[in-house]
Protein backbone atom coordinates (compact mmCIF):
# COMPACT_ATOMS: atom_id res chain seq x y z
CA MET A 1 0.06 0.04 0.09
CA ALA A 2 1.32 3.56 -0.68
CA GLU A 3 1.64 5.73 2.40
CA VAL A 4 -0.89 8.70 2.65
CA SER A 5 1.11 11.96 2.65
CA ALA A 6 1.35 14.21 5.74
CA LEU A 7 -1.25 16.72 6.27
CA ARG A 8 -0.40 19.92 4.38
CA LYS A 9 -1.48 23.57 5.05
CA ASN A 10 -3.53 25.40 2.52
CA PRO A 11 -2.98 29.06 3.34
CA CYS A 12 -5.84 31.53 2.28
CA THR A 13 -4.71 33.76 -0.75
CA GLU A 14 -6.64 36.73 0.97
CA CYS A 15 -5.96 36.56 4.66
CA GLY A 16 -3.52 33.92 5.22
CA GLY A 17 -5.85 31.52 7.27
CA ASP A 18 -5.81 27.91 6.94
CA ALA A 19 -8.49 26.79 4.56
CA GLU A 20 -10.65 23.84 5.48
CA TRP A 21 -13.06 21.49 3.39
CA ASP A 22 -16.32 23.34 3.06
CA ALA A 23 -19.15 20.53 2.27
CA SER A 24 -21.64 23.28 1.22
CA LYS A 25 -19.23 24.55 -1.42
CA ILE A 26 -17.58 21.25 -2.22
CA ALA A 27 -14.45 22.99 -2.21
CA LEU A 28 -11.45 24.49 0.12
CA ALA A 29 -12.69 27.63 1.70
CA CYS A 30 -11.20 30.04 4.35
CA PRO A 31 -13.28 29.83 7.49
CA PHE A 32 -12.36 33.29 8.35
CA CYS A 33 -13.04 35.31 5.04
CA GLY A 34 -14.86 32.88 3.09
CA THR A 35 -12.44 32.97 0.00
CA ILE A 36 -12.55 29.77 -2.09
CA LEU A 37 -9.15 28.41 -2.97
CA PRO A 38 -8.43 26.91 -6.41
CA TRP A 39 -7.75 23.23 -5.88
CA THR A 40 -7.69 20.16 -7.99
CA ASP A 41 -8.78 16.98 -6.40
CA ALA A 42 -6.04 14.18 -5.95
CA GLU A 43 -7.92 11.87 -8.88
CA THR A 44 -7.71 14.71 -11.33
CA ALA A 45 -4.19 16.00 -10.36
CA PHE A 46 -2.39 12.81 -10.26
CA GLY A 47 -4.66 10.42 -12.22
CA ALA A 48 -4.98 8.27 -9.16
CA ALA A 49 -7.05 5.15 -9.13
CA ILE A 50 -9.01 3.52 -6.29
CA VAL A 51 -7.06 0.32 -5.61
CA GLU A 52 -8.41 -3.07 -4.33
CA HIS A 53 -5.80 -5.06 -2.30
CA ASP A 54 -5.40 -8.84 -2.19
CA LEU A 55 -6.98 -9.65 1.31
CA GLU A 56 -5.12 -13.10 1.74
CA ALA A 57 -1.73 -11.37 1.02
CA ALA A 58 -2.50 -8.57 3.31
CA LEU A 59 -3.49 -11.01 6.25
CA ALA A 60 -0.46 -12.84 5.68
CA ALA A 61 1.84 -9.80 5.59
CA ALA A 62 0.34 -7.93 8.52
CA PRO A 63 1.57 -5.95 10.48
CA ALA A 64 4.77 -5.78 8.30
CA GLU A 65 3.06 -4.12 5.31
CA ALA A 66 1.17 -1.55 7.56
CA HIS A 67 2.01 2.21 7.48
CA ALA A 68 1.78 5.00 10.00
CA PRO A 69 -0.20 8.29 9.59
CA GLY A 70 1.56 11.61 8.63
CA ASP A 71 3.71 13.19 11.09
CA GLU A 72 1.43 16.45 11.24
CA LYS A 73 -1.35 14.67 12.87
CA LYS A 74 -1.80 14.39 16.78
CA SER A 75 -3.40 11.28 18.23
CA VAL A 76 -5.27 10.97 21.49
CA LYS A 77 -7.14 8.10 23.05
CA CYS A 78 -10.25 8.47 25.05
CA GLU A 79 -10.24 6.39 28.25
CA SER A 80 -13.86 6.41 28.61
CA CYS A 81 -14.97 4.91 25.03
CA ARG A 82 -11.54 3.88 23.83
CA ALA A 83 -11.79 5.77 20.46
CA ILE A 84 -8.50 7.03 18.82
CA SER A 85 -8.64 10.30 16.97
CA MET A 86 -6.35 12.14 14.80
CA PHE A 87 -6.46 15.98 14.29
CA ASP A 88 -4.06 18.74 13.54
CA ALA A 89 -1.24 19.11 15.98
CA ASP A 90 -2.07 22.80 16.89
CA ARG A 91 -5.67 22.08 17.97
CA ALA A 92 -6.22 21.98 21.62
CA ALA A 93 -8.70 19.09 22.20
CA GLN A 94 -10.40 19.25 25.70
CA ARG A 95 -12.85 16.39 25.27
CA CYS A 96 -13.59 13.50 23.12
CA ASP A 97 -15.64 13.99 20.07
CA PHE A 98 -17.37 10.71 20.43
CA CYS A 99 -18.66 10.64 24.16
CA GLY A 100 -17.65 13.94 25.45
CA SER A 101 -15.41 12.76 28.14
CA PRO A 102 -12.53 14.80 29.23
CA ALA A 103 -10.57 11.46 29.88
CA ILE A 104 -8.37 11.91 26.74
CA VAL A 105 -4.64 11.06 26.69
CA PRO A 106 -1.99 11.75 24.19
CA LEU A 107 -0.92 8.49 22.10
CA GLU A 108 2.07 7.81 20.02
CA ASN A 109 1.57 7.16 16.31
CA GLN A 110 1.01 3.52 15.95
CA SER A 111 3.46 1.74 13.53
CA ASP A 112 1.08 -0.91 12.66
CA THR A 113 -1.63 1.27 11.30
CA ILE A 114 -2.99 0.66 7.80
CA THR A 115 -3.78 3.98 6.37
CA PRO A 116 -6.70 4.88 4.23
CA GLU A 117 -6.22 5.41 0.52
CA SER A 118 -9.67 6.68 -0.34
CA LEU A 119 -12.50 8.63 1.24
CA LEU A 120 -16.09 10.12 0.54
CA PRO A 121 -15.84 13.79 0.69
CA ALA A 122 -18.30 15.36 3.07
CA ALA A 123 -21.16 16.87 0.97
CA ILE A 124 -23.60 17.84 3.84
CA PRO A 125 -22.87 21.25 5.51
CA ASN A 126 -22.98 21.73 9.32
CA THR A 127 -25.75 24.37 8.73
CA GLN A 128 -27.95 21.74 7.22
CA VAL A 129 -27.29 19.34 9.92
CA ARG A 130 -27.97 21.67 12.76
CA ASP A 131 -31.53 22.23 11.22
CA GLN A 132 -32.02 18.56 10.98
CA LEU A 133 -30.95 18.32 14.80
CA ARG A 134 -33.26 20.98 16.00
CA GLU A 135 -36.18 19.26 13.94
CA TRP A 136 -35.14 15.92 15.29
CA TYR A 137 -35.36 17.10 18.90
CA ARG A 138 -38.68 18.55 18.41
CA SER A 139 -40.09 15.33 16.86
CA ARG A 140 -39.23 13.13 19.74
CA TRP A 141 -42.56 12.81 21.39
CA TRP A 142 -41.48 10.19 24.05
CA ALA A 143 -38.52 12.05 25.00
CA PRO A 144 -38.67 14.38 28.07
CA ASN A 145 -39.55 17.90 27.51
CA LYS A 146 -36.18 19.21 28.59
CA LEU A 147 -34.51 17.48 25.84
CA LYS A 148 -34.82 20.35 23.56
CA SER A 149 -32.83 22.55 25.93
CA ALA A 150 -30.51 19.91 27.13
CA ALA A 151 -29.32 18.47 23.90
CA LEU A 152 -27.84 21.36 22.11
CA THR A 153 -26.26 21.43 18.63
CA ASP A 154 -23.02 23.22 19.85
CA THR A 155 -21.56 19.58 20.46
CA LEU A 156 -21.62 18.96 16.60
CA HIS A 157 -18.46 17.38 15.17
CA GLY A 158 -17.39 16.53 11.69
CA ILE A 159 -15.76 13.23 11.86
CA TYR A 160 -14.16 10.93 9.25
CA LEU A 161 -14.65 7.38 10.26
CA PRO A 162 -12.66 4.23 9.28
CA TYR A 163 -14.24 1.71 7.25
CA TRP A 164 -13.22 -1.51 5.71
CA THR A 165 -14.81 -2.66 2.26
CA PHE A 166 -14.58 -6.05 0.98
CA ASP A 167 -15.14 -7.63 -2.43
CA ALA A 168 -15.40 -11.42 -3.15
CA HIS A 169 -16.77 -13.89 -5.60
CA VAL A 170 -18.76 -16.61 -3.98
CA ASP A 171 -19.84 -20.04 -5.51
CA ALA A 172 -22.47 -21.82 -3.23
CA ASP A 173 -23.81 -25.20 -3.49
CA TRP A 174 -27.13 -25.81 -1.39
CA THR A 175 -29.31 -28.69 -0.45
CA ALA A 176 -32.76 -28.57 1.27
CA GLU A 177 -36.07 -30.17 1.47
CA SER A 178 -38.72 -28.50 -0.48
CA GLY A 179 -42.22 -28.36 0.78
CA TYR A 180 -45.27 -28.55 -1.31
CA TYR A 181 -48.70 -27.58 0.03
CA TYR A 182 -51.78 -29.66 -0.57
CA TYR A 183 -55.28 -29.65 0.96
CA VAL A 184 -57.45 -32.62 2.23
CA THR A 185 -61.11 -32.07 2.84
CA GLU A 186 -61.87 -33.29 6.40
CA THR A 187 -65.08 -33.60 8.07
CA TYR A 188 -65.88 -32.53 11.88
CA ARG A 189 -68.63 -31.74 14.39
CA ASN A 190 -68.86 -28.15 15.43
CA SER A 191 -69.85 -26.96 18.97
CA ASN A 192 -73.45 -27.67 18.10
CA GLY A 193 -73.06 -31.22 17.01
CA LYS A 194 -73.40 -30.33 13.27
CA THR A 195 -71.19 -32.33 10.67
CA GLN A 196 -69.27 -29.81 8.77
CA THR A 197 -66.19 -29.90 6.27
CA ARG A 198 -63.02 -27.88 6.19
CA GLN A 199 -59.79 -27.89 4.08
CA VAL A 200 -56.85 -29.11 6.10
CA ARG A 201 -53.37 -27.98 4.87
CA HIS A 202 -50.59 -30.72 4.43
CA THR A 203 -46.87 -30.60 3.36
CA ARG A 204 -45.29 -32.92 0.96
CA TRP A 205 -41.58 -32.77 1.44
CA GLU A 206 -39.11 -33.65 -1.46
CA ASP A 207 -35.21 -33.44 -1.69
CA SER A 208 -33.83 -30.48 -3.61
CA ALA A 209 -30.32 -29.00 -4.57
CA GLY A 210 -28.70 -26.27 -6.62
CA SER A 211 -25.89 -23.69 -6.85
CA LEU A 212 -25.53 -20.10 -7.55
CA SER A 213 -22.76 -17.66 -7.87
CA HIS A 214 -22.65 -14.06 -6.40
CA PHE A 215 -20.39 -11.10 -6.46
CA PHE A 216 -20.06 -8.94 -3.44
CA ASP A 217 -18.91 -5.33 -4.09
CA ASP A 218 -17.94 -3.21 -1.22
CA ASP A 219 -19.31 -5.05 1.57
CA ALA A 220 -18.87 -2.58 4.27
CA VAL A 221 -17.57 -3.16 7.95
CA PRO A 222 -17.08 -0.11 10.32
CA GLY A 223 -13.73 0.34 11.95
CA THR A 224 -14.89 2.76 14.61
CA VAL A 225 -15.60 2.17 18.35
CA GLY A 226 -16.46 5.86 18.79
CA VAL A 227 -19.82 5.88 17.20
CA HIS A 228 -22.44 3.38 18.33
CA ASN A 229 -22.73 0.56 15.83
CA SER A 230 -26.55 0.55 15.92
CA LEU A 231 -26.72 4.05 14.93
CA LEU A 232 -24.15 3.84 12.16
CA ARG A 233 -25.98 0.96 10.59
CA LYS A 234 -29.08 3.12 10.41
CA VAL A 235 -27.24 5.79 8.52
CA GLU A 236 -25.68 3.60 5.92
CA PRO A 237 -25.10 2.84 2.94
CA PHE A 238 -22.16 5.02 2.17
CA PRO A 239 -21.89 4.96 -1.73
CA THR A 240 -18.51 3.60 -1.61
CA THR A 241 -18.91 1.80 -5.01
CA THR A 242 -19.57 4.84 -7.05
CA ASP A 243 -18.30 8.00 -5.29
CA LEU A 244 -14.94 7.31 -3.51
CA LYS A 245 -12.17 9.73 -4.23
CA PRO A 246 -8.44 9.04 -3.86
CA TYR A 247 -7.14 10.18 -0.43
CA ASP A 248 -6.06 13.94 -0.39
CA PRO A 249 -5.12 15.69 2.99
CA ALA A 250 -7.25 18.69 1.77
CA TYR A 251 -10.66 16.59 2.19
CA VAL A 252 -10.03 16.09 5.96
CA ARG A 253 -8.82 19.94 6.67
CA GLY A 254 -10.79 20.89 9.83
CA TRP A 255 -12.03 17.55 10.59
CA THR A 256 -11.37 14.87 13.32
CA VAL A 257 -10.13 11.44 11.75
CA GLU A 258 -10.75 8.47 13.96
CA CYS A 259 -8.15 5.57 13.74
CA TYR A 260 -9.60 2.03 13.32
CA GLN A 261 -10.13 0.02 16.28
CA VAL A 262 -11.47 -2.91 14.38
CA ASP A 263 -8.34 -4.19 12.68
CA LEU A 264 -8.23 -5.91 9.13
CA LEU A 265 -8.51 -9.58 10.47
CA GLN A 266 -11.61 -8.77 12.73
CA ALA A 267 -12.99 -6.86 9.85
CA SER A 268 -12.69 -9.68 7.37
CA SER A 269 -14.08 -12.06 9.73
CA THR A 270 -17.23 -9.96 10.18
CA SER A 271 -17.43 -9.49 6.44
CA GLN A 272 -17.59 -13.08 5.74
CA GLN A 273 -20.09 -13.66 8.05
CA GLN A 274 -22.19 -10.84 6.74
CA MET A 275 -21.67 -12.33 3.24
CA ASP A 276 -22.68 -15.70 4.53
CA ALA A 277 -25.74 -14.56 5.80
CA VAL A 278 -26.70 -12.92 2.35
CA ILE A 279 -25.75 -16.25 0.50
CA GLU A 280 -27.80 -18.11 2.70
CA GLN A 281 -30.87 -15.94 2.00
CA LEU A 282 -30.13 -15.88 -1.65
CA CYS A 283 -29.93 -19.82 -1.81
CA ALA A 284 -33.28 -20.04 0.54
CA ARG A 285 -35.05 -17.97 -2.58
CA GLU A 286 -33.63 -20.55 -4.85
CA VAL A 287 -35.37 -23.58 -3.20
CA PRO A 288 -38.49 -24.65 -5.10
CA GLY A 289 -41.93 -25.19 -3.49
CA ASP A 290 -43.99 -23.39 -0.97
CA THR A 291 -41.50 -23.72 2.01
CA HIS A 292 -38.31 -25.43 2.89
CA ARG A 293 -36.46 -26.99 5.87
CA ASN A 294 -32.88 -28.27 6.59
CA LEU A 295 -31.16 -25.87 4.09
CA SER A 296 -27.45 -26.52 3.99
CA VAL A 297 -25.06 -24.22 2.27
CA SER A 298 -21.52 -24.90 1.16
CA SER A 299 -19.56 -21.53 -0.02
CA VAL A 300 -16.20 -21.06 -1.76
CA TYR A 301 -14.79 -17.73 -1.64
CA GLN A 302 -12.59 -16.39 -4.51
CA ASP A 303 -10.70 -13.10 -5.31
CA ARG A 304 -11.21 -11.49 -1.87
CA THR A 305 -9.96 -7.98 -1.97
CA PHE A 306 -10.22 -5.22 0.43
CA LYS A 307 -9.98 -1.26 0.77
CA HIS A 308 -9.53 0.93 3.88
CA ILE A 309 -11.50 4.01 3.45
CA LEU A 310 -12.74 7.24 5.47
CA VAL A 311 -16.36 8.28 5.27
CA PRO A 312 -17.88 11.52 6.75
CA VAL A 313 -20.41 11.67 9.69
CA TRP A 314 -21.70 14.58 11.85
CA LEU A 315 -21.84 13.57 15.32
CA THR A 316 -23.28 15.21 18.38
CA THR A 317 -22.81 13.77 21.85
CA TYR A 318 -25.12 14.90 24.85
CA ASN A 319 -25.73 13.86 28.40
CA TYR A 320 -29.06 13.72 29.92
CA GLY A 321 -28.92 12.58 33.42
CA THR A 322 -26.17 10.22 34.06
CA LYS A 323 -26.30 8.70 30.49
CA SER A 324 -24.55 10.04 27.26
CA TYR A 325 -26.42 9.84 23.89
CA GLN A 326 -25.57 10.26 20.39
CA VAL A 327 -27.02 11.49 17.05
CA VAL A 328 -25.39 10.69 13.76
CA VAL A 329 -25.83 12.12 10.42
CA ASN A 330 -24.32 10.58 7.16
CA GLY A 331 -22.03 13.24 6.07
CA TYR A 332 -22.59 12.55 2.31
CA THR A 333 -26.25 11.67 2.14
CA GLY A 334 -27.81 13.33 5.12
CA LYS A 335 -29.54 10.27 6.55
CA MET A 336 -30.00 10.51 10.30
CA ALA A 337 -30.15 8.45 13.52
CA GLY A 338 -30.23 9.16 17.09
CA GLU A 339 -30.76 8.02 20.61
CA HIS A 340 -32.73 9.78 23.26
CA PRO A 341 -34.03 9.40 26.88
CA LEU A 342 -37.64 8.19 27.43
CA SER A 343 -40.01 10.21 29.40
CA TRP A 344 -41.48 7.50 31.77
CA VAL A 345 -44.26 10.08 32.81
CA LYS A 346 -45.37 10.34 29.10
CA ILE A 347 -45.30 6.31 28.90
CA THR A 348 -47.20 5.93 32.06
CA LEU A 349 -49.88 8.48 31.05
CA ALA A 350 -50.21 6.93 27.58
CA VAL A 351 -50.79 3.40 29.17
CA LEU A 352 -53.12 4.98 31.63
CA ALA A 353 -55.08 6.48 28.78
CA VAL A 354 -55.39 3.37 26.78
CA ILE A 355 -56.42 1.34 29.90
CA LEU A 356 -59.03 4.17 30.43
CA ILE A 357 -60.45 4.03 26.74
CA ALA A 358 -60.62 0.19 26.93
CA ALA A 359 -62.49 0.34 30.14
CA VAL A 360 -65.01 2.80 28.67
CA PHE A 361 -65.66 0.70 25.50
CA PHE A 362 -66.17 -2.26 27.71
CA LEU A 363 -68.74 -0.57 30.03
CA LEU A 364 -70.46 0.79 26.93
CA PHE A 365 -70.72 -2.50 25.13
CA ASN A 366 -71.71 -4.47 28.32
CA ARG A 367 -74.51 -2.38 29.41
């Protein structure tokens, strides 16, 4: 893998400030005077291509083929949520961007880190996300009324999260018992002693077998521990098969970059489990008949490749009572998912209201 170049500065031509990636302008812009800087992305400037790496070779060589991040990035680890973040060396980080904890400690750059070679540039501006957050807070009916004032938008952070994507060609053979429904007319006596007939369904079982081939393109596995996985899965997918760009430091100016905590070995195992589940579903659809049982699938994986990429999210973390909650927005599509506390007062009142309505209907119909 080629090493990622160190984070370079992009001074504003008007005021000299450091330009940052502006999602609303899809360009480098000065956060102080608003000047847009002329800039050509890495794909155009260097003719770079998105490379798929051989998975088996990488697993056999790890960690010898790994590379460290650029020298101009500072790393810290949160002792609360265990997330490792990288950001500009001159930034003073006081709290963890993921959980809000002040328990962050400096961390030496890890020599066994595989660096990302491609990313999705952020396309959703923070102004749009803040509006989404306010509307989201207002629409949480089961949340306490204080949530609107307690969960503010000033904790919003732009973060590039680590992801692994995997490609594979799979050939699968399957066997199963196919079930075919048929109906038999039976007679019976009802509660009044009268003879009646009814159709009773039975199943005829037959052995069946088949095979299929399937190609997985960018099966995604998060490499983050900072963002809650359940939320992250809700804001997926990230369009990695079509919109990835070769890594360029300009894209991440002004953003926090999380280092992966799920390594390649763990991620490849998770990906195979995900692929196995998909293959089983595809084979199940191939089984003839009305139903099936005892499905058995044997899969052979070939041409397995991977990429290590970065994807943008907007993250806000807030505390309510003794618990911490997260709201995540896909920085490329705008899809949103969040956590919030529940108001047991509202829930209790709602349950009592249902019981009261049911009691009223019972009394009315039993007069």
